[in-house]
């Protein structure tokens, strides 16, 4: 009993840990939505995105903590699957945390941090967006 829900959550968790692009929607100071694809990491039931405080998404989160997100794959059945959710976001600014989390995120996309692009991205990352999901929904076809 209730196994389906747990099973569904583990499928969502697996999917979020495997996929590489998350579409993050934030709200600006004029209450206009802003959506952007980002690299991310899903860990301990939270979503982490490395960025720079000068970016629109970081500025938006300072104003509005509510975000929504979507990760999806496939264009034709039966290979379509997606997860979307809502949550609250905050900016982590402490250098040691930012550096540690940013490295973990980048290692999902680069074989090593010796890569020039990886080094530049790491250098440019001065904050981490930490999203605490409040609800998930998913679809498949």
N, C-alpha and C. Protein backbone atom coordinates (compact mmCIF):
# COMPACT_ATOMS: atom_id res chain seq x y z
N UNK A 1 0.84 -1.20 0.00
CA UNK A 1 0.00 0.00 0.00
C UNK A 1 0.87 1.25 0.00
N UNK A 2 0.49 2.21 -0.80
CA UNK A 2 1.24 3.46 -0.85
C UNK A 2 2.58 3.30 -1.55
N UNK A 3 2.90 2.09 -2.00
CA UNK A 3 4.18 1.83 -2.67
C UNK A 3 4.34 2.63 -3.95
N UNK A 4 3.21 2.86 -4.64
CA UNK A 4 3.24 3.60 -5.89
C UNK A 4 3.83 4.99 -5.73
N UNK A 5 3.44 5.66 -4.65
CA UNK A 5 3.93 7.01 -4.40
C UNK A 5 5.44 7.01 -4.17
N UNK A 6 5.89 6.07 -3.34
CA UNK A 6 7.32 5.98 -3.07
C UNK A 6 8.07 5.64 -4.35
N UNK A 7 7.50 4.70 -5.11
CA UNK A 7 8.09 4.30 -6.38
C UNK A 7 8.16 5.47 -7.33
N UNK A 8 7.09 6.26 -7.38
CA UNK A 8 7.05 7.43 -8.26
C UNK A 8 8.11 8.44 -7.82
N UNK A 9 8.23 8.67 -6.50
CA UNK A 9 9.24 9.61 -6.00
C UNK A 9 10.64 9.14 -6.37
N UNK A 10 10.89 7.82 -6.27
CA UNK A 10 12.24 7.35 -6.60
C UNK A 10 12.50 7.50 -8.10
N UNK A 11 11.45 7.35 -8.93
CA UNK A 11 11.62 7.56 -10.37
C UNK A 11 11.94 9.05 -10.63
N UNK A 12 11.25 9.94 -9.93
CA UNK A 12 11.50 11.39 -10.07
C UNK A 12 12.93 11.71 -9.64
N UNK A 13 13.32 11.17 -8.49
CA UNK A 13 14.66 11.42 -7.96
C UNK A 13 15.73 10.94 -8.93
N UNK A 14 15.57 9.73 -9.42
CA UNK A 14 16.51 9.16 -10.40
C UNK A 14 16.61 10.04 -11.64
N UNK A 15 15.45 10.46 -12.12
CA UNK A 15 15.37 11.30 -13.32
C UNK A 15 16.10 12.64 -13.08
N UNK A 16 15.81 13.29 -11.95
CA UNK A 16 16.43 14.59 -11.66
C UNK A 16 17.94 14.46 -11.46
N UNK A 17 18.39 13.32 -10.95
CA UNK A 17 19.83 13.12 -10.75
C UNK A 17 20.54 12.84 -12.06
N UNK A 18 19.80 12.29 -13.03
CA UNK A 18 20.41 11.87 -14.30
C UNK A 18 20.42 13.00 -15.33
N UNK A 19 19.33 13.75 -15.42
CA UNK A 19 19.20 14.75 -16.48
C UNK A 19 20.17 15.92 -16.28
N UNK A 20 20.36 16.70 -17.35
CA UNK A 20 21.39 17.74 -17.31
C UNK A 20 20.87 19.18 -17.42
N UNK A 21 19.65 19.37 -17.92
CA UNK A 21 19.16 20.74 -18.11
C UNK A 21 17.85 20.94 -17.35
N UNK A 22 17.82 21.97 -16.54
CA UNK A 22 16.62 22.34 -15.79
C UNK A 22 16.20 23.72 -16.27
N UNK A 23 14.92 23.89 -16.53
CA UNK A 23 14.40 25.22 -16.90
C UNK A 23 13.89 25.87 -15.62
N UNK A 24 14.52 26.98 -15.26
CA UNK A 24 14.22 27.67 -14.01
C UNK A 24 13.44 28.95 -14.29
N UNK A 25 12.30 29.08 -13.63
CA UNK A 25 11.49 30.28 -13.77
C UNK A 25 11.55 31.08 -12.48
N UNK A 26 11.94 32.35 -12.61
CA UNK A 26 11.97 33.27 -11.48
C UNK A 26 11.06 34.45 -11.82
N UNK A 27 10.84 35.32 -10.84
CA UNK A 27 9.95 36.46 -11.05
C UNK A 27 10.73 37.74 -10.76
N UNK A 28 10.68 38.69 -11.70
CA UNK A 28 11.45 39.93 -11.50
C UNK A 28 10.67 40.95 -10.68
N UNK A 29 11.28 42.12 -10.48
CA UNK A 29 10.68 43.14 -9.62
C UNK A 29 9.41 43.76 -10.20
N UNK A 30 9.11 43.47 -11.46
CA UNK A 30 7.86 43.94 -12.06
C UNK A 30 6.84 42.79 -12.13
N UNK A 31 7.14 41.70 -11.42
CA UNK A 31 6.29 40.49 -11.38
C UNK A 31 6.17 39.81 -12.73
N UNK A 32 7.20 39.95 -13.56
CA UNK A 32 7.24 39.28 -14.87
C UNK A 32 8.07 38.01 -14.74
N UNK A 33 7.56 36.89 -15.27
CA UNK A 33 8.34 35.65 -15.21
C UNK A 33 9.58 35.72 -16.11
N UNK A 34 10.63 35.06 -15.68
CA UNK A 34 11.88 34.97 -16.42
C UNK A 34 12.25 33.49 -16.39
N UNK A 35 12.41 32.88 -17.55
CA UNK A 35 12.73 31.44 -17.58
C UNK A 35 14.02 31.22 -18.34
N UNK A 36 14.86 30.32 -17.82
CA UNK A 36 16.17 30.11 -18.43
C UNK A 36 16.62 28.66 -18.18
N UNK A 37 17.26 28.06 -19.19
CA UNK A 37 17.82 26.71 -18.96
C UNK A 37 19.11 26.84 -18.15
N UNK A 38 19.28 25.96 -17.17
CA UNK A 38 20.48 26.01 -16.33
C UNK A 38 21.05 24.61 -16.10
N UNK A 39 22.35 24.57 -15.81
CA UNK A 39 22.97 23.35 -15.32
C UNK A 39 22.63 23.29 -13.84
N UNK A 40 22.50 22.08 -13.32
CA UNK A 40 22.06 21.96 -11.93
C UNK A 40 22.52 20.64 -11.33
N UNK A 41 22.26 20.51 -10.04
CA UNK A 41 22.50 19.25 -9.33
C UNK A 41 21.33 19.05 -8.38
N UNK A 42 20.83 17.82 -8.33
CA UNK A 42 19.76 17.48 -7.39
C UNK A 42 20.38 16.60 -6.32
N UNK A 43 20.33 17.06 -5.08
CA UNK A 43 20.98 16.33 -4.00
C UNK A 43 20.25 16.61 -2.70
N UNK A 44 20.05 15.58 -1.90
CA UNK A 44 19.39 15.70 -0.60
C UNK A 44 18.07 16.47 -0.70
N UNK A 45 17.28 16.13 -1.73
CA UNK A 45 15.96 16.71 -1.96
C UNK A 45 15.96 18.21 -2.24
N UNK A 46 17.13 18.73 -2.63
CA UNK A 46 17.22 20.14 -3.01
C UNK A 46 17.87 20.24 -4.38
N UNK A 47 17.61 21.37 -5.04
CA UNK A 47 18.19 21.62 -6.36
C UNK A 47 19.20 22.76 -6.19
N UNK A 48 20.38 22.58 -6.78
CA UNK A 48 21.44 23.58 -6.68
C UNK A 48 21.84 24.05 -8.07
N UNK A 49 21.96 25.37 -8.21
CA UNK A 49 22.35 25.98 -9.48
C UNK A 49 23.45 26.99 -9.17
N UNK A 50 24.59 26.85 -9.84
CA UNK A 50 25.66 27.82 -9.66
C UNK A 50 25.42 29.01 -10.58
N UNK A 51 25.69 30.21 -10.09
CA UNK A 51 25.51 31.38 -10.93
C UNK A 51 26.33 32.55 -10.39
N UNK A 52 26.09 33.70 -10.98
CA UNK A 52 26.76 34.92 -10.53
C UNK A 52 25.67 35.87 -10.04
N UNK A 53 25.96 36.63 -9.00
CA UNK A 53 24.96 37.54 -8.42
C UNK A 53 24.49 38.61 -9.40
N UNK A 54 25.25 38.82 -10.49
CA UNK A 54 24.85 39.83 -11.49
C UNK A 54 23.78 39.30 -12.45
N UNK A 55 23.52 38.00 -12.45
CA UNK A 55 22.55 37.43 -13.40
C UNK A 55 21.13 37.82 -13.02
N UNK A 56 20.26 37.82 -14.02
CA UNK A 56 18.85 38.16 -13.79
C UNK A 56 18.20 37.20 -12.79
N UNK A 57 18.50 35.90 -12.92
CA UNK A 57 17.86 34.93 -12.02
C UNK A 57 18.26 35.17 -10.57
N UNK A 58 19.52 35.51 -10.34
CA UNK A 58 19.97 35.78 -8.96
C UNK A 58 19.32 37.06 -8.42
N UNK A 59 19.28 38.10 -9.26
CA UNK A 59 18.62 39.35 -8.84
C UNK A 59 17.15 39.10 -8.52
N UNK A 60 16.50 38.29 -9.36
CA UNK A 60 15.08 38.00 -9.15
C UNK A 60 14.83 37.29 -7.82
N UNK A 61 15.70 36.33 -7.49
CA UNK A 61 15.52 35.56 -6.26
C UNK A 61 15.69 36.44 -5.03
N UNK A 62 16.49 37.49 -5.14
CA UNK A 62 16.62 38.43 -4.03
C UNK A 62 15.29 39.12 -3.75
N UNK A 63 14.48 39.31 -4.81
CA UNK A 63 13.19 40.01 -4.70
C UNK A 63 12.05 39.04 -4.40
N UNK A 64 11.99 37.95 -5.15
CA UNK A 64 10.92 36.95 -5.01
C UNK A 64 11.55 35.58 -4.78
N UNK A 65 11.24 34.96 -3.68
CA UNK A 65 11.81 33.64 -3.34
C UNK A 65 11.13 32.49 -4.08
N UNK A 66 9.91 32.74 -4.59
CA UNK A 66 9.18 31.64 -5.25
C UNK A 66 9.70 31.40 -6.65
N UNK A 67 9.93 30.12 -6.96
CA UNK A 67 10.40 29.73 -8.29
C UNK A 67 9.60 28.52 -8.76
N UNK A 68 9.66 28.26 -10.04
CA UNK A 68 9.18 26.99 -10.55
C UNK A 68 10.22 26.46 -11.52
N UNK A 69 10.14 25.17 -11.80
CA UNK A 69 11.17 24.55 -12.62
C UNK A 69 10.59 23.38 -13.38
N UNK A 70 11.30 22.98 -14.42
CA UNK A 70 10.85 21.88 -15.26
C UNK A 70 12.08 21.20 -15.86
N UNK A 71 12.07 19.88 -15.85
CA UNK A 71 13.10 19.08 -16.50
C UNK A 71 12.34 18.08 -17.36
N UNK A 72 12.64 18.03 -18.65
CA UNK A 72 11.89 17.09 -19.49
C UNK A 72 12.75 16.54 -20.61
N UNK A 73 12.33 15.39 -21.11
CA UNK A 73 13.04 14.73 -22.22
C UNK A 73 12.03 14.17 -23.21
N UNK A 74 12.51 13.97 -24.43
CA UNK A 74 11.73 13.27 -25.43
C UNK A 74 10.79 14.16 -26.22
N UNK A 75 10.54 13.75 -27.45
CA UNK A 75 9.59 14.47 -28.30
C UNK A 75 8.50 13.56 -28.84
N UNK A 76 8.69 12.24 -28.71
CA UNK A 76 7.64 11.34 -29.20
C UNK A 76 7.41 10.20 -28.21
N UNK A 77 6.14 9.80 -28.10
CA UNK A 77 5.77 8.70 -27.21
C UNK A 77 6.45 7.42 -27.71
N UNK A 78 6.85 6.50 -26.85
CA UNK A 78 6.61 6.46 -25.40
C UNK A 78 7.79 7.03 -24.60
N UNK A 79 8.60 7.88 -25.22
CA UNK A 79 9.83 8.34 -24.57
C UNK A 79 9.74 9.74 -24.00
N UNK A 80 8.55 10.22 -23.73
CA UNK A 80 8.39 11.56 -23.18
C UNK A 80 8.23 11.45 -21.67
N UNK A 81 9.04 12.20 -20.96
CA UNK A 81 8.93 12.22 -19.50
C UNK A 81 9.35 13.59 -19.01
N UNK A 82 8.69 14.08 -18.01
CA UNK A 82 9.06 15.38 -17.46
C UNK A 82 8.67 15.48 -16.01
N UNK A 83 9.38 16.37 -15.33
CA UNK A 83 9.10 16.68 -13.93
C UNK A 83 9.02 18.19 -13.83
N UNK A 84 7.98 18.68 -13.17
CA UNK A 84 7.96 20.10 -12.90
C UNK A 84 7.64 20.29 -11.43
N UNK A 85 7.97 21.45 -10.94
CA UNK A 85 7.73 21.70 -9.52
C UNK A 85 7.80 23.16 -9.20
N UNK A 86 7.42 23.44 -7.96
CA UNK A 86 7.49 24.79 -7.41
C UNK A 86 8.30 24.70 -6.14
N UNK A 87 8.86 25.84 -5.75
CA UNK A 87 9.62 25.82 -4.52
C UNK A 87 10.04 27.22 -4.12
N UNK A 88 10.87 27.26 -3.08
CA UNK A 88 11.43 28.52 -2.64
C UNK A 88 12.93 28.45 -2.84
N UNK A 89 13.49 29.59 -3.21
CA UNK A 89 14.92 29.64 -3.51
C UNK A 89 15.59 30.65 -2.60
N UNK A 90 16.86 30.38 -2.35
CA UNK A 90 17.67 31.38 -1.65
C UNK A 90 19.08 31.33 -2.23
N UNK A 91 19.81 32.43 -2.06
CA UNK A 91 21.18 32.49 -2.56
C UNK A 91 22.16 32.15 -1.45
N UNK A 92 23.00 31.15 -1.71
CA UNK A 92 24.08 30.82 -0.78
C UNK A 92 25.30 31.60 -1.23
N UNK A 93 25.90 32.35 -0.31
CA UNK A 93 27.00 33.25 -0.68
C UNK A 93 28.34 32.89 -0.03
N UNK A 94 28.31 32.04 0.98
CA UNK A 94 29.55 31.73 1.70
C UNK A 94 30.55 31.04 0.77
N UNK A 95 31.72 31.66 0.62
CA UNK A 95 32.71 31.22 -0.37
C UNK A 95 33.01 29.72 -0.35
N UNK A 96 33.22 29.16 0.83
CA UNK A 96 33.59 27.73 0.89
C UNK A 96 32.45 26.84 0.40
N UNK A 97 31.22 27.20 0.73
CA UNK A 97 30.05 26.43 0.27
C UNK A 97 29.88 26.59 -1.23
N UNK A 98 29.96 27.84 -1.70
CA UNK A 98 29.80 28.13 -3.14
C UNK A 98 30.81 27.32 -3.94
N UNK A 99 32.05 27.34 -3.51
CA UNK A 99 33.13 26.66 -4.22
C UNK A 99 32.90 25.15 -4.24
N UNK A 100 32.54 24.57 -3.10
CA UNK A 100 32.34 23.12 -2.99
C UNK A 100 31.17 22.67 -3.87
N UNK A 101 30.04 23.37 -3.77
CA UNK A 101 28.85 22.99 -4.53
C UNK A 101 29.05 23.24 -6.03
N UNK A 102 29.66 24.37 -6.37
CA UNK A 102 29.90 24.70 -7.78
C UNK A 102 30.76 23.61 -8.44
N UNK A 103 31.78 23.13 -7.74
CA UNK A 103 32.63 22.07 -8.27
C UNK A 103 31.82 20.80 -8.52
N UNK A 104 30.96 20.45 -7.58
CA UNK A 104 30.13 19.25 -7.74
C UNK A 104 29.19 19.39 -8.94
N UNK A 105 28.62 20.58 -9.11
CA UNK A 105 27.73 20.80 -10.26
C UNK A 105 28.53 20.66 -11.56
N UNK A 106 29.65 21.38 -11.65
CA UNK A 106 30.44 21.38 -12.89
C UNK A 106 30.96 19.99 -13.26
N UNK A 107 31.24 19.16 -12.26
CA UNK A 107 31.74 17.81 -12.56
C UNK A 107 30.66 16.91 -13.16
N UNK A 108 29.41 17.37 -13.14
CA UNK A 108 28.36 16.63 -13.86
C UNK A 108 28.48 16.89 -15.36
N UNK A 109 29.15 17.97 -15.75
CA UNK A 109 29.18 18.41 -17.15
C UNK A 109 30.57 18.33 -17.77
N UNK A 110 31.60 18.34 -16.95
CA UNK A 110 32.98 18.27 -17.44
C UNK A 110 33.66 17.06 -16.83
N UNK A 111 34.55 16.42 -17.60
CA UNK A 111 35.29 15.27 -17.07
C UNK A 111 36.21 15.71 -15.94
N UNK A 112 36.73 16.92 -16.06
CA UNK A 112 37.62 17.43 -15.02
C UNK A 112 37.52 18.94 -14.95
N UNK A 113 37.92 19.49 -13.82
CA UNK A 113 37.87 20.94 -13.64
C UNK A 113 39.11 21.62 -14.22
N UNK A 114 39.99 20.83 -14.86
CA UNK A 114 41.16 21.41 -15.52
C UNK A 114 40.77 22.04 -16.85
N UNK A 115 39.61 21.68 -17.34
CA UNK A 115 39.09 22.23 -18.58
C UNK A 115 38.98 23.76 -18.46
N UNK A 116 39.41 24.47 -19.49
CA UNK A 116 39.42 25.94 -19.47
C UNK A 116 38.02 26.51 -19.19
N UNK A 117 37.01 26.00 -19.88
CA UNK A 117 35.63 26.48 -19.67
C UNK A 117 35.16 26.22 -18.24
N UNK A 118 35.50 25.04 -17.72
CA UNK A 118 35.11 24.70 -16.35
C UNK A 118 35.75 25.67 -15.36
N UNK A 119 37.04 25.96 -15.57
CA UNK A 119 37.74 26.89 -14.67
C UNK A 119 37.12 28.28 -14.71
N UNK A 120 36.79 28.74 -15.94
CA UNK A 120 36.18 30.07 -16.09
C UNK A 120 34.82 30.12 -15.41
N UNK A 121 34.02 29.08 -15.60
CA UNK A 121 32.70 29.03 -14.97
C UNK A 121 32.82 29.03 -13.45
N UNK A 122 33.77 28.23 -12.95
CA UNK A 122 33.98 28.15 -11.50
C UNK A 122 34.36 29.52 -10.94
N UNK A 123 35.26 30.19 -11.66
CA UNK A 123 35.71 31.52 -11.25
C UNK A 123 34.57 32.53 -11.24
N UNK A 124 33.66 32.39 -12.18
CA UNK A 124 32.54 33.32 -12.34
C UNK A 124 31.40 33.06 -11.34
N UNK A 125 31.40 31.88 -10.73
CA UNK A 125 30.33 31.51 -9.81
C UNK A 125 30.59 32.13 -8.44
N UNK A 126 29.74 33.08 -8.05
CA UNK A 126 29.92 33.69 -6.73
C UNK A 126 28.73 33.43 -5.80
N UNK A 127 27.75 32.65 -6.30
CA UNK A 127 26.65 32.25 -5.43
C UNK A 127 26.02 30.98 -5.97
N UNK A 128 25.31 30.31 -5.10
CA UNK A 128 24.58 29.10 -5.46
C UNK A 128 23.11 29.35 -5.16
N UNK A 129 22.26 29.04 -6.13
CA UNK A 129 20.82 29.11 -5.89
C UNK A 129 20.44 27.76 -5.29
N UNK A 130 19.88 27.79 -4.08
CA UNK A 130 19.42 26.57 -3.43
C UNK A 130 17.89 26.58 -3.46
N UNK A 131 17.32 25.59 -4.14
CA UNK A 131 15.87 25.51 -4.27
C UNK A 131 15.35 24.37 -3.40
N UNK A 132 14.39 24.71 -2.56
CA UNK A 132 13.71 23.69 -1.77
C UNK A 132 12.36 23.45 -2.44
N UNK A 133 12.23 22.32 -3.14
CA UNK A 133 10.96 22.04 -3.83
C UNK A 133 9.82 21.84 -2.84
N UNK A 134 8.68 22.43 -3.14
CA UNK A 134 7.50 22.28 -2.29
C UNK A 134 6.54 21.26 -2.89
N UNK A 135 6.52 21.18 -4.21
CA UNK A 135 5.66 20.17 -4.84
C UNK A 135 6.25 19.77 -6.19
N UNK A 136 6.00 18.50 -6.55
CA UNK A 136 6.45 17.96 -7.81
C UNK A 136 5.24 17.43 -8.56
N UNK A 137 5.28 17.51 -9.85
CA UNK A 137 4.34 16.71 -10.64
C UNK A 137 5.13 16.19 -11.84
N UNK A 138 4.66 15.11 -12.41
CA UNK A 138 5.39 14.58 -13.57
C UNK A 138 4.40 14.08 -14.61
N UNK A 139 4.91 13.89 -15.82
CA UNK A 139 4.09 13.38 -16.91
C UNK A 139 4.92 12.46 -17.75
N UNK A 140 4.26 11.51 -18.39
CA UNK A 140 4.94 10.67 -19.38
C UNK A 140 3.93 10.24 -20.42
N UNK A 141 4.45 10.03 -21.64
CA UNK A 141 3.60 9.60 -22.75
C UNK A 141 4.29 8.49 -23.51
